[in-house]
């Protein structure tokens, strides 16, 4: 053996502190002979302990070693990857609804379905919009055609139909996909099919380069066929594109001259309180942490939100049973879910699985609803509700 033999008794004697009735030993490292120093776990733990806070936090990746690392400015900044398809074998045209000027989740799913068709054969995805729409590169668009907005706001089916027919004539796409939506995609797909004389395969739930299928008779049967040119995509049937950004190169808009038969459009006012939770886009939900139900109702009226609540709230009679959100109540797909005083039981979280944005207000930092939320406010619901009412009225008056 070449290494020096360890002597535990000598090490113990070296740690002995002189004086005192009882023997005391120092916790520091024992001086070692020349060579590799002995590892001291306590010193490493102290160096990795993050200062401050009630509970100790250990940062094993930082601590004293961070000083030896170069700062963020010293690292080369990587540019986001952008995929460019310069010479595609074919085009797949996706027609977006973009209600309110923004891509809906159904739009993103439709572009994702178009993306899967294009990627299967070296093609590219072109997206047709009315006016400027953000987020098309992230959604998977290789080309973008933007036509002028309609003369009656967002609702101009005749002009949109003419624009789609002109885009088809210009691009000669292999497939044209529409969202099967109430925002206009379902109606637009049928108008284009009627005027072009082509067959529409509606409500596609499964799609590949070889086959398209949809459910029939309440889901009891499935109909499949070779993918035709015109198809509409069922909601929640496809995943939105979440890969690299695409080029989203702007193309010249096709010229079209629609025959206008609709003169004026008057939107019908709908009370948010009359909407079912399954159809609501914005839901204000209350839980056991809400005690001021008058302020809760006032907030819902000012925000124009549909009211909902947890099972406990409905059991106590604060809200009707049809307002219950959860596995034993209604499964909701709202764009925004504003939750006051809801802890987040598993059954309730199952009911909001398909919600896009969750905002939670709760006094418990560790509540499950806070973990689920995209934005959380750690405060008492009774203090936040009147402040939010006052702010909403201020913005409305301004």
Protein backbone atom coordinates (compact mmCIF):
# COMPACT_ATOMS: atom_id res chain seq x y z
CA UNK A 1 0.00 0.00 0.00
CA UNK A 2 1.28 3.44 -0.98
CA UNK A 3 -1.26 5.62 0.94
CA UNK A 4 -0.79 6.53 4.56
CA UNK A 5 -2.93 4.52 6.95
CA UNK A 6 -5.72 6.52 8.64
CA UNK A 7 -5.54 6.75 12.47
CA UNK A 8 -9.00 7.51 13.94
CA UNK A 9 -7.65 7.92 17.47
CA UNK A 10 -5.12 10.52 16.36
CA UNK A 11 -7.83 12.41 14.44
CA UNK A 12 -10.11 12.41 17.49
CA UNK A 13 -7.29 13.63 19.71
CA UNK A 14 -6.51 16.43 17.21
CA UNK A 15 -10.11 17.72 17.52
CA UNK A 16 -10.04 17.76 21.35
CA UNK A 17 -10.57 21.25 22.83
CA UNK A 18 -8.50 21.79 25.93
CA UNK A 19 -10.18 22.86 29.20
CA UNK A 20 -13.62 22.23 30.63
CA UNK A 21 -15.03 19.39 32.71
CA UNK A 22 -16.52 17.54 29.73
CA UNK A 23 -14.60 16.68 26.59
CA UNK A 24 -15.43 18.86 23.61
CA UNK A 25 -14.34 18.29 20.05
CA UNK A 26 -14.07 20.78 17.16
CA UNK A 27 -16.15 20.07 14.04
CA UNK A 28 -13.63 21.48 11.58
CA UNK A 29 -11.64 19.35 9.17
CA UNK A 30 -8.61 17.52 10.54
CA UNK A 31 -5.30 18.63 9.01
CA UNK A 32 -4.35 16.06 6.39
CA UNK A 33 -1.00 15.13 4.98
CA UNK A 34 0.08 16.63 1.66
CA UNK A 35 -2.03 15.50 -1.29
CA UNK A 36 -5.72 15.71 -2.13
CA UNK A 37 -7.67 17.55 0.64
CA UNK A 38 -10.43 15.70 2.42
CA UNK A 39 -14.03 16.59 1.40
CA UNK A 40 -16.01 18.44 4.09
CA UNK A 41 -19.79 17.95 3.53
CA UNK A 42 -20.72 20.54 6.15
CA UNK A 43 -18.63 23.25 4.46
CA UNK A 44 -20.15 22.43 1.08
CA UNK A 45 -23.66 22.61 2.53
CA UNK A 46 -22.94 25.98 4.17
CA UNK A 47 -21.57 27.34 0.87
CA UNK A 48 -24.68 26.18 -1.01
CA UNK A 49 -27.19 27.57 1.51
CA UNK A 50 -29.19 30.49 0.11
CA UNK A 51 -29.25 33.32 2.68
CA UNK A 52 -32.55 34.73 3.98
CA UNK A 53 -35.96 33.13 4.34
CA UNK A 54 -37.58 31.20 7.16
CA UNK A 55 -36.89 27.74 5.74
CA UNK A 56 -33.32 26.83 4.66
CA UNK A 57 -32.87 26.47 0.91
CA UNK A 58 -29.93 24.63 -0.66
CA UNK A 59 -28.72 25.53 -4.17
CA UNK A 60 -26.37 22.69 -5.15
CA UNK A 61 -25.94 24.14 -8.66
CA UNK A 62 -24.96 27.59 -7.45
CA UNK A 63 -23.41 28.64 -4.18
CA UNK A 64 -19.70 29.32 -4.24
CA UNK A 65 -19.32 27.82 -7.72
CA UNK A 66 -21.39 30.58 -9.33
CA UNK A 67 -18.55 33.03 -8.84
CA UNK A 68 -16.33 30.97 -11.12
CA UNK A 69 -18.93 30.87 -13.89
CA UNK A 70 -19.11 33.57 -16.56
CA UNK A 71 -21.99 35.96 -16.29
CA UNK A 72 -24.98 35.83 -18.66
CA UNK A 73 -23.48 38.60 -20.79
CA UNK A 74 -20.40 36.46 -21.45
CA UNK A 75 -22.41 33.62 -23.00
CA UNK A 76 -23.26 33.71 -26.69
CA UNK A 77 -26.94 34.49 -27.16
CA UNK A 78 -28.55 31.78 -29.27
CA UNK A 79 -31.04 32.98 -31.85
CA UNK A 80 -34.42 31.23 -32.06
CA UNK A 81 -34.55 28.68 -34.85
CA UNK A 82 -36.79 29.55 -37.80
CA UNK A 83 -37.70 26.85 -40.30
CA UNK A 84 -37.80 28.03 -43.91
CA UNK A 85 -39.38 25.96 -46.69
CA UNK A 86 -38.15 27.69 -49.81
CA UNK A 87 -39.48 25.34 -52.50
CA UNK A 88 -42.37 23.22 -51.13
CA UNK A 89 -43.73 20.26 -53.04
CA UNK A 90 -47.30 21.47 -52.42
CA UNK A 91 -49.31 23.85 -50.24
CA UNK A 92 -51.94 23.27 -47.58
CA UNK A 93 -54.19 26.29 -47.03
CA UNK A 94 -55.60 26.89 -43.55
CA UNK A 95 -58.36 29.48 -43.16
CA UNK A 96 -58.35 31.08 -39.71
CA UNK A 97 -61.39 32.45 -37.88
CA UNK A 98 -59.30 34.72 -35.57
CA UNK A 99 -62.29 36.17 -33.67
CA UNK A 100 -61.45 39.59 -32.30
CA UNK A 101 -58.27 39.73 -34.39
CA UNK A 102 -56.44 36.96 -32.47
CA UNK A 103 -55.90 33.29 -33.24
CA UNK A 104 -58.26 31.06 -31.31
CA UNK A 105 -57.20 27.70 -29.94
CA UNK A 106 -59.33 26.08 -32.66
CA UNK A 107 -57.39 28.09 -35.27
CA UNK A 108 -54.11 26.80 -33.86
CA UNK A 109 -55.41 23.24 -33.95
CA UNK A 110 -56.46 23.69 -37.60
CA UNK A 111 -53.01 25.03 -38.51
CA UNK A 112 -51.50 22.11 -36.57
CA UNK A 113 -53.53 19.66 -38.67
CA UNK A 114 -52.37 21.44 -41.83
CA UNK A 115 -48.81 21.25 -40.50
CA UNK A 116 -49.04 17.46 -40.14
CA UNK A 117 -50.22 17.10 -43.76
CA UNK A 118 -47.48 19.38 -45.08
CA UNK A 119 -44.69 17.74 -43.08
CA UNK A 120 -45.71 14.29 -44.31
CA UNK A 121 -44.78 15.14 -47.92
CA UNK A 122 -42.43 18.12 -47.98
CA UNK A 123 -45.17 20.71 -48.29
CA UNK A 124 -45.77 24.10 -46.69
CA UNK A 125 -48.67 25.68 -44.82
CA UNK A 126 -50.29 28.90 -46.01
CA UNK A 127 -52.70 30.73 -43.68
CA UNK A 128 -55.43 33.09 -44.90
CA UNK A 129 -56.44 35.92 -42.55
CA UNK A 130 -58.43 39.15 -42.62
CA UNK A 131 -56.19 41.98 -41.44
CA UNK A 132 -53.07 41.59 -39.30
CA UNK A 133 -52.94 38.63 -36.91
CA UNK A 134 -50.10 37.95 -34.46
CA UNK A 135 -48.52 34.59 -33.63
CA UNK A 136 -48.72 32.92 -37.04
CA UNK A 137 -45.01 32.00 -37.13
CA UNK A 138 -45.28 30.25 -33.76
CA UNK A 139 -48.49 28.52 -34.90
CA UNK A 140 -46.62 26.91 -37.84
CA UNK A 141 -47.39 29.11 -40.86
CA UNK A 142 -44.89 29.13 -43.76
CA UNK A 143 -46.84 31.62 -45.88
CA UNK A 144 -49.42 34.25 -44.92
CA UNK A 145 -52.08 35.85 -47.09
CA UNK A 146 -53.77 38.82 -45.44
CA UNK A 147 -56.84 40.27 -47.13
CA UNK A 148 -58.58 43.50 -46.04
CA UNK A 149 -61.05 43.20 -43.17
CA UNK A 150 -64.72 42.95 -44.06
CA UNK A 151 -67.03 45.93 -44.40
CA UNK A 152 -69.26 44.73 -41.52
CA UNK A 153 -66.63 44.14 -38.88
CA UNK A 154 -65.71 40.53 -38.27
CA UNK A 155 -68.89 39.22 -39.92
CA UNK A 156 -68.65 39.36 -43.70
CA UNK A 157 -69.22 35.82 -45.02
CA UNK A 158 -69.61 36.86 -48.66
CA UNK A 159 -66.29 38.70 -48.77
CA UNK A 160 -64.52 35.93 -46.87
CA UNK A 161 -65.90 33.30 -49.25
CA UNK A 162 -64.70 35.28 -52.24
CA UNK A 163 -61.28 35.72 -50.62
CA UNK A 164 -60.94 31.96 -50.02
CA UNK A 165 -61.94 31.13 -53.60
CA UNK A 166 -59.42 33.70 -54.90
CA UNK A 167 -56.67 32.23 -52.67
CA UNK A 168 -57.45 28.72 -53.92
CA UNK A 169 -57.25 29.93 -57.51
CA UNK A 170 -53.92 31.67 -56.81
CA UNK A 171 -52.12 29.04 -54.73
CA UNK A 172 -53.64 25.82 -56.10
CA UNK A 173 -53.35 24.11 -52.68
CA UNK A 174 -53.60 20.35 -52.33
CA UNK A 175 -55.87 20.70 -49.26
CA UNK A 176 -57.91 23.53 -47.71
CA UNK A 177 -58.71 23.29 -43.99
CA UNK A 178 -61.34 25.23 -42.05
CA UNK A 179 -62.11 25.17 -38.31
CA UNK A 180 -65.51 23.53 -37.74
CA UNK A 181 -66.52 26.41 -35.48
CA UNK A 182 -69.52 28.57 -34.69
CA UNK A 183 -67.38 31.69 -35.20
CA UNK A 184 -67.82 31.31 -38.95
CA UNK A 185 -65.51 28.53 -40.08
CA UNK A 186 -68.25 25.92 -40.44
CA UNK A 187 -70.47 28.28 -42.46
CA UNK A 188 -67.54 29.47 -44.58
CA UNK A 189 -66.47 25.93 -45.45
CA UNK A 190 -69.95 25.09 -46.75
CA UNK A 191 -70.19 28.31 -48.76
CA UNK A 192 -66.84 27.58 -50.44
CA UNK A 193 -67.88 23.98 -51.15
CA UNK A 194 -71.18 25.07 -52.70
CA UNK A 195 -69.62 27.72 -54.95
CA UNK A 196 -66.62 25.61 -56.00
CA UNK A 197 -68.65 22.45 -56.61
CA UNK A 198 -66.24 20.37 -54.51
CA UNK A 199 -67.16 17.92 -51.76
CA UNK A 200 -66.58 18.98 -48.16
CA UNK A 201 -65.50 16.43 -45.56
CA UNK A 202 -66.69 18.08 -42.34
CA UNK A 203 -65.77 17.53 -38.70
CA UNK A 204 -62.48 15.68 -39.30
CA UNK A 205 -61.26 14.09 -36.06
CA UNK A 206 -58.31 12.09 -37.44
CA UNK A 207 -56.12 13.00 -40.39
CA UNK A 208 -53.09 11.66 -42.23
CA UNK A 209 -51.75 11.83 -45.76
CA UNK A 210 -53.71 8.65 -46.60
CA UNK A 211 -56.99 8.95 -44.68
CA UNK A 212 -59.38 11.36 -42.99
CA UNK A 213 -62.02 10.19 -40.54
CA UNK A 214 -64.85 11.59 -38.44
CA UNK A 215 -67.26 10.28 -35.83
CA UNK A 216 -70.89 9.61 -36.72
CA UNK A 217 -74.14 8.80 -34.88
CA UNK A 218 -73.05 10.23 -31.57
CA UNK A 219 -69.62 8.63 -31.76
CA UNK A 220 -70.92 5.11 -32.28
CA UNK A 221 -69.54 4.89 -35.84
CA UNK A 222 -66.57 6.21 -37.76
CA UNK A 223 -66.49 7.31 -41.39
CA UNK A 224 -63.14 7.31 -43.21
CA UNK A 225 -62.07 8.33 -46.71
CA UNK A 226 -59.06 9.53 -48.65
CA UNK A 227 -58.41 13.19 -47.70
CA UNK A 228 -60.38 15.40 -50.13
CA UNK A 229 -59.42 18.94 -50.99
CA UNK A 230 -61.89 20.67 -48.65
CA UNK A 231 -62.02 19.63 -44.99
CA UNK A 232 -63.17 21.18 -41.72
CA UNK A 233 -61.39 20.28 -38.48
CA UNK A 234 -63.30 19.30 -35.35
CA UNK A 235 -62.50 21.17 -32.14
CA UNK A 236 -60.05 19.55 -29.69
CA UNK A 237 -59.21 16.82 -32.20
CA UNK A 238 -55.65 17.91 -33.06
CA UNK A 239 -52.73 19.35 -31.14
CA UNK A 240 -51.56 22.84 -31.94
CA UNK A 241 -48.05 23.20 -33.37
CA UNK A 242 -45.51 23.64 -30.58
CA UNK A 243 -42.26 23.11 -32.45
CA UNK A 244 -39.90 25.60 -34.02
CA UNK A 245 -41.10 28.89 -35.49
CA UNK A 246 -41.80 28.94 -39.20
CA UNK A 247 -41.10 31.67 -41.71
CA UNK A 248 -44.63 33.13 -42.03
CA UNK A 249 -43.59 34.88 -45.24
CA UNK A 250 -46.15 37.45 -46.40
CA UNK A 251 -47.62 36.87 -49.86
CA UNK A 252 -49.51 39.33 -52.02
CA UNK A 253 -53.22 39.14 -51.30
CA UNK A 254 -55.35 37.84 -54.17
CA UNK A 255 -57.75 40.23 -55.86
CA UNK A 256 -61.44 39.47 -55.41
CA UNK A 257 -64.74 41.30 -55.88
CA UNK A 258 -67.49 39.88 -53.66
CA UNK A 259 -71.17 40.31 -54.45
CA UNK A 260 -72.59 41.85 -51.27
CA UNK A 261 -76.10 40.85 -50.31
CA UNK A 262 -75.91 41.58 -46.57
CA UNK A 263 -76.44 45.26 -45.83
CA UNK A 264 -76.29 45.57 -42.05
CA UNK A 265 -75.60 43.27 -39.15
CA UNK A 266 -76.88 43.84 -35.61
CA UNK A 267 -75.33 41.65 -32.90
CA UNK A 268 -77.80 40.30 -30.36
CA UNK A 269 -76.99 41.14 -26.77
CA UNK A 270 -76.61 38.02 -24.63
CA UNK A 271 -76.66 38.13 -20.86
CA UNK A 272 -73.59 36.33 -19.55
CA UNK A 273 -75.66 34.89 -16.71
CA UNK A 274 -77.92 33.04 -19.14
CA UNK A 275 -75.05 31.19 -20.83
CA UNK A 276 -74.34 27.63 -19.82
CA UNK A 277 -70.92 27.02 -18.31
CA UNK A 278 -70.02 24.76 -21.24
CA UNK A 279 -70.60 27.65 -23.69
CA UNK A 280 -69.10 30.46 -21.60
CA UNK A 281 -65.84 32.07 -22.70
CA UNK A 282 -65.18 33.98 -19.44
CA UNK A 283 -66.14 32.43 -16.10
CA UNK A 284 -66.04 34.04 -12.66
CA UNK A 285 -65.99 31.22 -10.13
CA UNK A 286 -66.31 31.34 -6.33
CA UNK A 287 -65.33 28.88 -3.65
CA UNK A 288 -65.41 28.45 0.10
CA UNK A 289 -63.16 31.49 0.55
CA UNK A 290 -65.89 33.87 -0.70
CA UNK A 291 -68.19 35.30 2.00
CA UNK A 292 -69.42 38.50 0.33
CA UNK A 293 -71.70 37.08 -2.36
CA UNK A 294 -73.21 40.47 -3.16
CA UNK A 295 -69.75 41.74 -4.16
CA UNK A 296 -69.20 38.52 -6.13
CA UNK A 297 -72.42 39.05 -8.13
CA UNK A 298 -71.54 42.72 -8.70
CA UNK A 299 -68.10 41.76 -10.01
CA UNK A 300 -69.64 39.27 -12.44
CA UNK A 301 -72.06 41.92 -13.71
CA UNK A 302 -69.34 44.54 -14.20
CA UNK A 303 -66.94 42.13 -15.93
CA UNK A 304 -69.66 40.50 -18.04
CA UNK A 305 -68.63 37.07 -16.81
CA UNK A 306 -70.65 33.88 -16.42
CA UNK A 307 -70.89 32.85 -12.77
CA UNK A 308 -69.75 29.45 -11.55
CA UNK A 309 -68.61 27.86 -8.33
CA UNK A 310 -67.25 24.84 -6.51
CA UNK A 311 -69.34 21.95 -5.20
CA UNK A 312 -69.24 23.29 -1.62
CA UNK A 313 -70.69 26.62 -2.75
CA UNK A 314 -73.53 24.95 -4.64
CA UNK A 315 -74.23 22.59 -1.73
CA UNK A 316 -74.65 25.59 0.57
CA UNK A 317 -77.08 27.23 -1.85
CA UNK A 318 -75.01 30.28 -2.80
CA UNK A 319 -75.25 29.29 -6.48
CA UNK A 320 -77.67 26.99 -8.36
CA UNK A 321 -76.61 23.43 -9.04
CA UNK A 322 -76.18 24.07 -12.78
CA UNK A 323 -73.41 26.57 -11.90
CA UNK A 324 -71.17 23.87 -10.39
CA UNK A 325 -67.80 23.41 -12.08
CA UNK A 326 -66.02 20.07 -11.80
CA UNK A 327 -66.12 16.38 -12.63
CA UNK A 328 -69.53 16.06 -10.96
CA UNK A 329 -70.76 19.34 -12.47
CA UNK A 330 -69.81 21.02 -15.75
CA UNK A 331 -66.57 20.55 -17.70
CA UNK A 332 -65.68 24.01 -18.99
CA UNK A 333 -63.53 25.18 -21.91
CA UNK A 334 -63.49 28.92 -21.23
CA UNK A 335 -60.70 31.13 -22.47
CA UNK A 336 -60.37 32.70 -19.00
CA UNK A 337 -61.32 31.24 -15.60
CA UNK A 338 -61.21 33.73 -12.69
CA UNK A 339 -61.29 31.76 -9.41
CA UNK A 340 -61.89 33.44 -6.04
CA UNK A 341 -61.29 31.46 -2.86
CA UNK A 342 -61.16 28.01 -4.50
CA UNK A 343 -58.67 25.60 -2.94
CA UNK A 344 -58.62 23.29 -5.96
CA UNK A 345 -60.00 19.85 -5.17
CA UNK A 346 -59.09 17.13 -7.73
CA UNK A 347 -62.70 16.98 -9.01
CA UNK A 348 -62.74 20.74 -9.55
CA UNK A 349 -59.39 20.74 -11.37
CA UNK A 350 -60.72 18.01 -13.68
CA UNK A 351 -63.51 20.37 -14.66
CA UNK A 352 -61.11 23.11 -15.84
CA UNK A 353 -58.62 20.90 -17.68
CA UNK A 354 -59.44 22.50 -21.04
CA UNK A 355 -59.42 26.11 -19.76
CA UNK A 356 -56.79 28.20 -21.51
CA UNK A 357 -55.99 30.82 -18.82
CA UNK A 358 -56.61 30.50 -15.07
CA UNK A 359 -56.39 33.44 -12.66
CA UNK A 360 -56.62 32.47 -8.99
CA UNK A 361 -57.10 34.61 -5.86
CA UNK A 362 -56.49 32.80 -2.60
CA UNK A 363 -54.89 33.40 0.82
CA UNK A 364 -53.17 29.99 0.74
CA UNK A 365 -49.92 30.13 -1.21
CA UNK A 366 -49.79 26.32 -1.41
CA UNK A 367 -53.36 25.75 -2.66
CA UNK A 368 -53.67 23.44 -5.66
CA UNK A 369 -55.57 26.13 -7.58
CA UNK A 370 -52.60 28.48 -7.14
CA UNK A 371 -50.33 25.84 -8.65
CA UNK A 372 -52.71 25.42 -11.59
CA UNK A 373 -53.07 29.17 -12.19
CA UNK A 374 -51.27 31.14 -14.89
CA UNK A 375 -51.57 34.23 -12.68
CA UNK A 376 -52.05 34.08 -8.90
CA UNK A 377 -52.88 36.76 -6.33
CA UNK A 378 -52.22 35.85 -2.70
CA UNK A 379 -54.88 37.96 -0.98
CA UNK A 380 -58.33 37.82 0.59
CA UNK A 381 -61.13 37.58 -1.97
CA UNK A 382 -63.22 40.10 -0.01
CA UNK A 383 -60.48 42.73 -0.45
CA UNK A 384 -59.80 42.04 -4.13
CA UNK A 385 -63.40 41.96 -5.41
CA UNK A 386 -64.40 45.58 -4.60
CA UNK A 387 -61.02 46.84 -5.84
CA UNK A 388 -61.51 45.01 -9.13
CA UNK A 389 -65.07 46.35 -9.45
CA UNK A 390 -63.83 49.92 -8.94
CA UNK A 391 -61.02 49.44 -11.46
CA UNK A 392 -63.38 47.94 -14.07
CA UNK A 393 -65.84 50.84 -13.68
CA UNK A 394 -62.95 53.30 -13.99
CA UNK A 395 -61.78 51.72 -17.24
CA UNK A 396 -65.34 51.57 -18.60
CA UNK A 397 -65.99 55.24 -17.86
CA UNK A 398 -62.70 56.25 -19.40
